[in-house]
Amino acid sequence: MATDLEHLALRHGIRPDASEVVGAAAARLGQTARMLRYRESLGLLAPRRTSGGYRTYGERDLLAAAYAAELEERHGVTPAAIALALRAIEEPRVRDEIALLGRLIRHQPEPPRVAALDFETRKARALLRLAS
């Protein structure tokens, strides 16, 4: 992974001390400023802001934007799909809902529930009710 990012940094001329406004960052990455702002709105980028409110893209921001674009192209997906994939990794509920959709699409049954786990869950909820 680090090697991929190193190659990406070399390919785009991204330096560790980078600090670029949106137009310069877009030009460096071969993207549009609008696309960078769109990726930011999806949570794929989080550039810092100057006291005047201007976005400044550091090394991590530039690498994130370049890597997101590479993943989108490699897998034939949109920036929104990448953002949802990140949510699925970070939020168990989203992951489980997407997994259920996958099973429905593939006509697969839900995995069997483990009775012991159900018992432990009920027991834990009862204890929590008693504690409150």
Foldseek 3Di string as FASTA:
>chain_A
DVVVLVVLCVVLVADQAAKAFLCVLCVSLVHHSVVLVVLVVLVQADFDADPVGTGIDGRVRSSSVNVLVVVCVVVVHDSNVVSLVVCLVVPVVSVVVVVVVVCVVVVHDDPDDDVVVVVVVVVVVVVVVVVD
